N, C-alpha and C. Protein backbone atom coordinates (compact mmCIF):
# COMPACT_ATOMS: atom_id res chain seq x y z
N MET A 1 0.82 -1.19 0.00
CA MET A 1 0.00 0.00 0.00
C MET A 1 0.87 1.27 0.00
N LYS A 2 1.98 1.23 0.76
CA LYS A 2 2.88 2.38 0.79
C LYS A 2 3.48 2.62 -0.59
N ARG A 3 3.81 1.53 -1.31
CA ARG A 3 4.37 1.65 -2.64
C ARG A 3 3.34 2.31 -3.58
N PHE A 4 2.10 1.92 -3.49
CA PHE A 4 1.04 2.49 -4.30
C PHE A 4 0.89 3.99 -4.00
N ALA A 5 0.91 4.36 -2.74
CA ALA A 5 0.79 5.76 -2.34
C ALA A 5 1.99 6.56 -2.85
N PHE A 6 3.17 5.97 -2.79
CA PHE A 6 4.38 6.64 -3.27
C PHE A 6 4.28 6.90 -4.77
N ILE A 7 3.83 5.91 -5.53
CA ILE A 7 3.70 6.05 -6.98
C ILE A 7 2.66 7.11 -7.33
N ILE A 8 1.54 7.10 -6.64
CA ILE A 8 0.50 8.11 -6.87
C ILE A 8 1.05 9.50 -6.54
N GLY A 9 1.75 9.63 -5.43
CA GLY A 9 2.32 10.91 -5.03
C GLY A 9 3.34 11.42 -6.04
N LEU A 10 4.20 10.52 -6.50
CA LEU A 10 5.20 10.89 -7.50
C LEU A 10 4.52 11.33 -8.80
N GLY A 11 3.48 10.62 -9.20
CA GLY A 11 2.73 10.97 -10.41
C GLY A 11 2.10 12.35 -10.29
N LEU A 12 1.51 12.65 -9.14
CA LEU A 12 0.91 13.96 -8.92
C LEU A 12 1.96 15.06 -8.91
N LEU A 13 3.10 14.76 -8.32
CA LEU A 13 4.19 15.72 -8.28
C LEU A 13 4.62 16.09 -9.70
N CYS A 14 4.77 15.09 -10.55
CA CYS A 14 5.15 15.34 -11.94
C CYS A 14 4.04 16.06 -12.70
N PHE A 15 2.80 15.65 -12.47
CA PHE A 15 1.66 16.21 -13.20
C PHE A 15 1.49 17.70 -12.91
N PHE A 16 1.65 18.10 -11.67
CA PHE A 16 1.45 19.49 -11.30
C PHE A 16 2.71 20.33 -11.42
N GLY A 17 3.77 19.76 -11.95
CA GLY A 17 4.97 20.53 -12.25
C GLY A 17 5.83 20.85 -11.05
N LEU A 18 5.63 20.16 -9.95
CA LEU A 18 6.43 20.45 -8.77
C LEU A 18 7.79 19.77 -8.83
N GLY A 19 7.93 18.84 -9.72
CA GLY A 19 9.21 18.16 -9.91
C GLY A 19 9.67 18.37 -11.33
N SER A 20 10.82 17.85 -11.63
CA SER A 20 11.33 17.99 -12.99
C SER A 20 11.31 16.65 -13.70
N CYS A 21 10.17 15.98 -13.65
CA CYS A 21 10.05 14.68 -14.28
C CYS A 21 10.00 14.79 -15.80
N HIS A 22 9.51 15.91 -16.28
CA HIS A 22 9.41 16.12 -17.72
C HIS A 22 9.84 17.54 -18.02
N SER A 23 10.81 17.70 -18.88
CA SER A 23 11.22 19.06 -19.24
C SER A 23 10.98 19.26 -20.73
N LYS A 24 10.32 20.34 -21.05
CA LYS A 24 10.04 20.67 -22.44
C LYS A 24 11.13 21.61 -22.94
N LYS A 25 11.74 21.26 -24.04
CA LYS A 25 12.78 22.11 -24.63
C LYS A 25 12.08 23.21 -25.42
N SER A 26 12.40 24.44 -25.11
CA SER A 26 11.77 25.55 -25.80
C SER A 26 12.66 26.01 -26.95
N ASP A 27 12.04 26.70 -27.91
CA ASP A 27 12.78 27.23 -29.05
C ASP A 27 13.64 28.40 -28.61
N SER A 28 14.81 28.52 -29.21
CA SER A 28 15.70 29.67 -28.97
C SER A 28 15.63 30.58 -30.18
N VAL A 29 15.40 31.85 -29.94
CA VAL A 29 15.36 32.84 -31.02
C VAL A 29 16.79 33.29 -31.29
N LEU A 30 17.26 33.08 -32.50
CA LEU A 30 18.63 33.43 -32.88
C LEU A 30 18.70 34.76 -33.63
N LEU A 31 17.60 35.15 -34.25
CA LEU A 31 17.53 36.39 -35.02
C LEU A 31 16.07 36.79 -35.05
N SER A 32 15.77 38.07 -34.87
CA SER A 32 14.38 38.48 -34.81
C SER A 32 14.21 39.93 -35.21
N LYS A 33 13.07 40.23 -35.83
CA LYS A 33 12.74 41.61 -36.21
C LYS A 33 11.23 41.77 -36.20
N GLU A 34 10.75 42.81 -35.50
CA GLU A 34 9.35 43.20 -35.55
C GLU A 34 9.25 44.44 -36.42
N PHE A 35 8.28 44.46 -37.32
CA PHE A 35 8.10 45.58 -38.23
C PHE A 35 6.94 46.43 -37.72
N ASN A 36 7.26 47.56 -37.09
CA ASN A 36 6.24 48.41 -36.48
C ASN A 36 5.25 48.94 -37.50
N SER A 37 5.69 49.21 -38.71
CA SER A 37 4.80 49.73 -39.75
C SER A 37 4.34 48.63 -40.70
N SER A 38 4.62 47.37 -40.37
CA SER A 38 4.27 46.22 -41.22
C SER A 38 4.89 46.33 -42.61
N GLU A 39 6.11 46.89 -42.67
CA GLU A 39 6.82 47.05 -43.94
C GLU A 39 8.27 46.60 -43.78
N TRP A 40 8.76 45.88 -44.79
CA TRP A 40 10.15 45.45 -44.81
C TRP A 40 10.77 45.95 -46.11
N GLU A 41 11.74 46.83 -45.98
CA GLU A 41 12.43 47.38 -47.15
C GLU A 41 13.32 46.32 -47.80
N ARG A 42 13.51 46.43 -49.10
CA ARG A 42 14.26 45.43 -49.87
C ARG A 42 15.70 45.24 -49.37
N PHE A 43 16.40 46.31 -49.05
CA PHE A 43 17.79 46.19 -48.62
C PHE A 43 17.98 46.42 -47.13
N GLU A 44 16.94 46.17 -46.37
CA GLU A 44 17.01 46.22 -44.91
C GLU A 44 17.36 44.81 -44.42
N PHE A 45 18.66 44.51 -44.37
CA PHE A 45 19.10 43.19 -43.94
C PHE A 45 18.87 43.05 -42.44
N ILE A 46 18.44 41.88 -42.03
CA ILE A 46 18.24 41.60 -40.61
C ILE A 46 19.39 40.72 -40.17
N THR A 47 20.15 41.17 -39.19
CA THR A 47 21.33 40.43 -38.76
C THR A 47 21.36 40.26 -37.25
N ASN A 48 22.10 39.27 -36.82
CA ASN A 48 22.35 39.05 -35.40
C ASN A 48 23.61 38.21 -35.25
N GLU A 49 24.34 38.46 -34.18
CA GLU A 49 25.53 37.67 -33.89
C GLU A 49 25.16 36.45 -33.06
N LEU A 50 25.86 35.35 -33.33
CA LEU A 50 25.66 34.10 -32.62
C LEU A 50 27.00 33.65 -32.07
N GLU A 51 27.10 33.57 -30.76
CA GLU A 51 28.35 33.17 -30.10
C GLU A 51 28.36 31.65 -29.94
N ILE A 52 29.37 31.00 -30.52
CA ILE A 52 29.53 29.55 -30.43
C ILE A 52 30.73 29.27 -29.53
N LYS A 53 30.51 28.49 -28.47
CA LYS A 53 31.60 28.16 -27.54
C LYS A 53 32.20 26.79 -27.81
N LYS A 54 31.39 25.86 -28.34
CA LYS A 54 31.87 24.52 -28.66
C LYS A 54 31.10 24.03 -29.89
N PRO A 55 31.60 23.05 -30.60
CA PRO A 55 30.89 22.55 -31.79
C PRO A 55 29.43 22.20 -31.45
N THR A 56 28.54 22.64 -32.30
CA THR A 56 27.11 22.42 -32.06
C THR A 56 26.36 22.38 -33.38
N THR A 57 25.19 21.79 -33.35
CA THR A 57 24.32 21.71 -34.52
C THR A 57 22.94 22.21 -34.14
N TYR A 58 22.35 23.02 -35.01
CA TYR A 58 21.03 23.59 -34.78
C TYR A 58 20.03 23.05 -35.80
N ASP A 59 18.78 22.93 -35.38
CA ASP A 59 17.65 22.67 -36.26
C ASP A 59 16.94 24.02 -36.42
N LEU A 60 17.16 24.67 -37.55
CA LEU A 60 16.68 26.03 -37.75
C LEU A 60 15.38 26.09 -38.54
N SER A 61 14.51 26.98 -38.12
CA SER A 61 13.31 27.28 -38.88
C SER A 61 13.06 28.79 -38.81
N MET A 62 12.22 29.25 -39.72
CA MET A 62 11.88 30.67 -39.77
C MET A 62 10.42 30.82 -39.37
N LYS A 63 10.18 31.69 -38.41
CA LYS A 63 8.81 32.01 -37.99
C LYS A 63 8.49 33.39 -38.54
N VAL A 64 7.38 33.51 -39.25
CA VAL A 64 7.01 34.79 -39.87
C VAL A 64 5.50 34.97 -39.78
N THR A 65 5.09 36.23 -39.53
CA THR A 65 3.68 36.56 -39.38
C THR A 65 3.29 37.64 -40.39
N PHE A 66 2.17 37.40 -41.08
CA PHE A 66 1.65 38.31 -42.09
C PHE A 66 0.22 38.72 -41.74
N ASP A 67 -0.27 39.77 -42.43
CA ASP A 67 -1.69 40.10 -42.38
C ASP A 67 -2.24 40.11 -43.81
N ASP A 68 -3.52 40.43 -43.96
CA ASP A 68 -4.17 40.39 -45.28
C ASP A 68 -3.62 41.42 -46.26
N ALA A 69 -2.87 42.40 -45.79
CA ALA A 69 -2.28 43.40 -46.70
C ALA A 69 -1.08 42.84 -47.45
N TYR A 70 -0.60 41.65 -47.07
CA TYR A 70 0.54 41.05 -47.76
C TYR A 70 0.12 40.74 -49.20
N PRO A 71 0.83 41.30 -50.20
CA PRO A 71 0.34 41.24 -51.58
C PRO A 71 0.71 40.00 -52.38
N PHE A 72 1.46 39.08 -51.82
CA PHE A 72 1.94 37.93 -52.60
C PHE A 72 1.45 36.62 -52.01
N ASP A 73 1.60 35.55 -52.79
CA ASP A 73 1.24 34.22 -52.29
C ASP A 73 2.49 33.43 -51.88
N TYR A 74 3.65 34.09 -51.87
CA TYR A 74 4.91 33.44 -51.51
C TYR A 74 5.81 34.44 -50.77
N LEU A 75 6.88 33.91 -50.18
CA LEU A 75 7.91 34.74 -49.56
C LEU A 75 9.26 34.25 -50.07
N SER A 76 10.08 35.18 -50.53
CA SER A 76 11.41 34.85 -51.02
C SER A 76 12.44 35.58 -50.16
N VAL A 77 13.35 34.80 -49.55
CA VAL A 77 14.40 35.37 -48.70
C VAL A 77 15.72 34.65 -48.99
N VAL A 78 16.80 35.28 -48.56
CA VAL A 78 18.12 34.63 -48.56
C VAL A 78 18.57 34.59 -47.11
N PHE A 79 18.92 33.40 -46.65
CA PHE A 79 19.48 33.23 -45.31
C PHE A 79 20.97 32.95 -45.46
N SER A 80 21.78 33.78 -44.79
CA SER A 80 23.23 33.64 -44.89
C SER A 80 23.85 33.56 -43.51
N VAL A 81 24.98 32.86 -43.45
CA VAL A 81 25.79 32.77 -42.23
C VAL A 81 27.20 33.17 -42.60
N PHE A 82 27.77 34.08 -41.81
CA PHE A 82 29.14 34.52 -42.01
C PHE A 82 29.99 33.98 -40.87
N ASP A 83 31.19 33.50 -41.20
CA ASP A 83 32.05 32.88 -40.19
C ASP A 83 32.71 33.93 -39.30
N THR A 84 33.59 33.46 -38.44
CA THR A 84 34.21 34.32 -37.44
C THR A 84 35.11 35.39 -38.04
N GLU A 85 35.46 35.25 -39.31
CA GLU A 85 36.29 36.26 -39.99
C GLU A 85 35.47 37.06 -41.00
N ASP A 86 34.13 37.00 -40.87
CA ASP A 86 33.18 37.73 -41.71
C ASP A 86 33.17 37.25 -43.16
N ASN A 87 33.60 36.01 -43.39
CA ASN A 87 33.52 35.41 -44.72
C ASN A 87 32.22 34.64 -44.83
N PRO A 88 31.58 34.63 -46.00
CA PRO A 88 30.35 33.85 -46.16
C PRO A 88 30.62 32.36 -45.92
N LEU A 89 29.89 31.79 -44.98
CA LEU A 89 30.01 30.37 -44.68
C LEU A 89 28.95 29.58 -45.44
N ARG A 90 27.72 30.06 -45.36
CA ARG A 90 26.60 29.45 -46.08
C ARG A 90 25.62 30.53 -46.49
N SER A 91 25.00 30.34 -47.63
CA SER A 91 23.98 31.26 -48.10
C SER A 91 23.03 30.47 -49.00
N LYS A 92 21.76 30.61 -48.75
CA LYS A 92 20.78 29.87 -49.55
C LYS A 92 19.52 30.71 -49.75
N SER A 93 19.00 30.66 -50.97
CA SER A 93 17.73 31.32 -51.29
C SER A 93 16.58 30.38 -50.99
N TYR A 94 15.52 30.94 -50.43
CA TYR A 94 14.32 30.17 -50.11
C TYR A 94 13.11 30.86 -50.71
N LYS A 95 12.20 30.06 -51.25
CA LYS A 95 10.92 30.57 -51.72
C LYS A 95 9.84 29.69 -51.11
N PHE A 96 9.04 30.28 -50.24
CA PHE A 96 8.00 29.55 -49.53
C PHE A 96 6.63 29.95 -50.07
N ASN A 97 5.82 28.96 -50.45
CA ASN A 97 4.45 29.21 -50.87
C ASN A 97 3.58 29.35 -49.63
N LEU A 98 2.90 30.49 -49.52
CA LEU A 98 2.11 30.81 -48.33
C LEU A 98 0.61 30.62 -48.55
N LYS A 99 0.20 30.60 -49.81
CA LYS A 99 -1.22 30.46 -50.14
C LYS A 99 -1.40 29.32 -51.13
N ASP A 100 -2.59 28.76 -51.13
CA ASP A 100 -2.87 27.67 -52.08
C ASP A 100 -3.26 28.27 -53.43
N GLY A 101 -3.62 27.43 -54.38
CA GLY A 101 -3.97 27.87 -55.73
C GLY A 101 -5.17 28.80 -55.79
N ASN A 102 -6.01 28.79 -54.76
CA ASN A 102 -7.18 29.67 -54.71
C ASN A 102 -6.90 30.98 -53.98
N GLY A 103 -5.66 31.17 -53.53
CA GLY A 103 -5.31 32.40 -52.81
C GLY A 103 -5.64 32.36 -51.33
N THR A 104 -5.92 31.16 -50.82
CA THR A 104 -6.23 31.00 -49.39
C THR A 104 -4.94 30.73 -48.63
N TRP A 105 -4.77 31.45 -47.50
CA TRP A 105 -3.58 31.26 -46.68
C TRP A 105 -3.45 29.81 -46.23
N LYS A 106 -2.23 29.30 -46.19
CA LYS A 106 -1.95 27.94 -45.71
C LYS A 106 -1.67 27.96 -44.20
N SER A 107 -2.26 28.90 -43.51
CA SER A 107 -2.11 29.04 -42.06
C SER A 107 -3.45 29.47 -41.50
N ASP A 108 -3.68 29.18 -40.24
CA ASP A 108 -4.92 29.61 -39.60
C ASP A 108 -4.93 31.12 -39.40
N ASN A 109 -6.13 31.69 -39.50
CA ASN A 109 -6.32 33.11 -39.26
C ASN A 109 -6.49 33.31 -37.75
N ASN A 110 -5.56 34.05 -37.15
CA ASN A 110 -5.64 34.33 -35.72
C ASN A 110 -5.75 35.84 -35.55
N GLN A 111 -6.99 36.33 -35.47
CA GLN A 111 -7.28 37.76 -35.33
C GLN A 111 -6.65 38.57 -36.45
N GLY A 112 -6.77 38.06 -37.67
CA GLY A 112 -6.28 38.77 -38.85
C GLY A 112 -4.82 38.56 -39.17
N LEU A 113 -4.13 37.69 -38.40
CA LEU A 113 -2.72 37.41 -38.63
C LEU A 113 -2.52 35.95 -39.01
N TYR A 114 -1.52 35.70 -39.85
CA TYR A 114 -1.19 34.35 -40.32
C TYR A 114 0.26 34.08 -39.99
N THR A 115 0.50 33.07 -39.17
CA THR A 115 1.86 32.76 -38.73
C THR A 115 2.31 31.44 -39.33
N PHE A 116 3.54 31.44 -39.83
CA PHE A 116 4.12 30.26 -40.46
C PHE A 116 5.41 29.89 -39.74
N ASN A 117 5.67 28.59 -39.62
CA ASN A 117 6.97 28.06 -39.19
C ASN A 117 7.53 27.30 -40.37
N LEU A 118 8.57 27.85 -40.97
CA LEU A 118 9.09 27.34 -42.23
C LEU A 118 10.49 26.75 -42.03
N PRO A 119 10.76 25.60 -42.62
CA PRO A 119 12.07 24.95 -42.41
C PRO A 119 13.20 25.71 -43.11
N ILE A 120 14.32 25.82 -42.41
CA ILE A 120 15.51 26.45 -42.98
C ILE A 120 16.64 25.44 -43.15
N ASN A 121 17.08 24.84 -42.04
CA ASN A 121 18.17 23.87 -42.10
C ASN A 121 18.09 22.99 -40.85
N SER A 122 17.87 21.70 -41.02
CA SER A 122 17.69 20.82 -39.87
C SER A 122 19.01 20.39 -39.22
N GLU A 123 20.13 20.64 -39.88
CA GLU A 123 21.42 20.25 -39.31
C GLU A 123 22.47 21.31 -39.60
N MET A 124 22.21 22.53 -39.13
CA MET A 124 23.17 23.62 -39.32
C MET A 124 24.28 23.46 -38.30
N SER A 125 25.48 23.17 -38.78
CA SER A 125 26.61 22.82 -37.92
C SER A 125 27.60 23.98 -37.81
N PHE A 126 28.02 24.26 -36.58
CA PHE A 126 29.07 25.23 -36.29
C PHE A 126 30.18 24.47 -35.57
N GLN A 127 31.32 24.30 -36.20
CA GLN A 127 32.39 23.48 -35.64
C GLN A 127 33.45 24.27 -34.89
N GLU A 128 33.64 25.53 -35.25
CA GLU A 128 34.68 26.35 -34.64
C GLU A 128 34.08 27.34 -33.65
N PRO A 129 34.67 27.48 -32.47
CA PRO A 129 34.21 28.51 -31.54
C PRO A 129 34.41 29.91 -32.12
N GLY A 130 33.55 30.82 -31.75
CA GLY A 130 33.68 32.20 -32.20
C GLY A 130 32.33 32.84 -32.42
N THR A 131 32.35 34.03 -32.98
CA THR A 131 31.14 34.80 -33.24
C THR A 131 30.79 34.71 -34.72
N TYR A 132 29.61 34.20 -35.00
CA TYR A 132 29.08 34.08 -36.36
C TYR A 132 27.99 35.13 -36.53
N VAL A 133 27.74 35.52 -37.77
CA VAL A 133 26.68 36.48 -38.06
C VAL A 133 25.62 35.79 -38.91
N LEU A 134 24.37 35.86 -38.46
CA LEU A 134 23.22 35.35 -39.21
C LEU A 134 22.56 36.53 -39.91
N GLN A 135 22.10 36.31 -41.14
CA GLN A 135 21.51 37.41 -41.91
C GLN A 135 20.33 36.92 -42.74
N LEU A 136 19.25 37.68 -42.72
CA LEU A 136 18.09 37.46 -43.58
C LEU A 136 17.97 38.62 -44.55
N GLU A 137 17.76 38.29 -45.81
CA GLU A 137 17.61 39.31 -46.85
C GLU A 137 16.25 39.15 -47.53
N ASN A 138 15.54 40.23 -47.67
CA ASN A 138 14.26 40.27 -48.38
C ASN A 138 14.54 40.22 -49.87
N ARG A 139 13.97 39.22 -50.57
CA ARG A 139 14.19 39.07 -52.01
C ARG A 139 12.90 39.25 -52.81
N MET A 140 11.93 39.95 -52.22
CA MET A 140 10.65 40.15 -52.90
C MET A 140 10.78 41.28 -53.92
N PRO A 141 9.92 41.29 -54.97
CA PRO A 141 10.09 42.24 -56.08
C PRO A 141 9.65 43.67 -55.79
N THR A 142 8.95 43.92 -54.70
CA THR A 142 8.54 45.29 -54.40
C THR A 142 9.12 45.75 -53.07
N THR A 143 9.30 47.05 -52.97
CA THR A 143 9.76 47.61 -51.71
C THR A 143 8.99 48.90 -51.44
N PRO A 144 8.48 49.10 -50.27
CA PRO A 144 8.59 48.16 -49.16
C PRO A 144 7.62 47.00 -49.32
N LEU A 145 7.93 45.92 -48.65
CA LEU A 145 7.06 44.75 -48.61
C LEU A 145 6.05 44.98 -47.50
N ASN A 146 4.78 45.09 -47.88
CA ASN A 146 3.71 45.38 -46.91
C ASN A 146 3.11 44.11 -46.32
N GLY A 147 2.52 44.25 -45.14
CA GLY A 147 1.75 43.15 -44.54
C GLY A 147 2.57 42.15 -43.76
N ILE A 148 3.82 42.46 -43.48
CA ILE A 148 4.66 41.56 -42.69
C ILE A 148 4.81 42.17 -41.29
N HIS A 149 4.54 41.36 -40.27
CA HIS A 149 4.57 41.86 -38.90
C HIS A 149 5.86 41.54 -38.17
N ASP A 150 6.33 40.31 -38.33
CA ASP A 150 7.59 39.92 -37.67
C ASP A 150 8.18 38.72 -38.37
N ILE A 151 9.48 38.56 -38.15
CA ILE A 151 10.19 37.44 -38.74
C ILE A 151 11.32 37.06 -37.78
N SER A 152 11.58 35.77 -37.65
CA SER A 152 12.67 35.34 -36.77
C SER A 152 13.21 33.99 -37.26
N ILE A 153 14.46 33.75 -36.87
CA ILE A 153 15.08 32.45 -37.07
C ILE A 153 15.16 31.82 -35.69
N VAL A 154 14.61 30.62 -35.56
CA VAL A 154 14.59 29.93 -34.26
C VAL A 154 15.27 28.58 -34.38
N SER A 155 15.81 28.15 -33.27
CA SER A 155 16.42 26.84 -33.17
C SER A 155 15.55 25.99 -32.28
N LYS A 156 15.26 24.78 -32.73
CA LYS A 156 14.43 23.87 -31.94
C LYS A 156 15.29 23.07 -31.00
């Protein structure tokens, strides 16, 4: 009976979060920009430094939020990483389809906003310690790009 009570007590402790029986890993924001006017200029590069202390690998994705004023059915960006000596380490163009063939957003409408989590690189490896620079570039055909609220690169 004592064993049963102990198991029940331990289960309740874990359930109510009083112990550390289960830890949820949260996303880390590595680069982020909020657009106060919901506009992103063509040559307004978004950058952030990333300090690497030991070899590590990240699972990167891009989180971006739009509203109905966004004029396109896709988003085109370039994500670049510069090494510790400011040399380009990696750079890749991405084109993400945000709407289906009927022009309907591929995301739920949450009070007029549409948020997407888009894959960037599931095994982004940094082998040398030092400071790296992450950069996002707007590659859309018009400037300013309207209807964009925020954009970030996150690591899972």
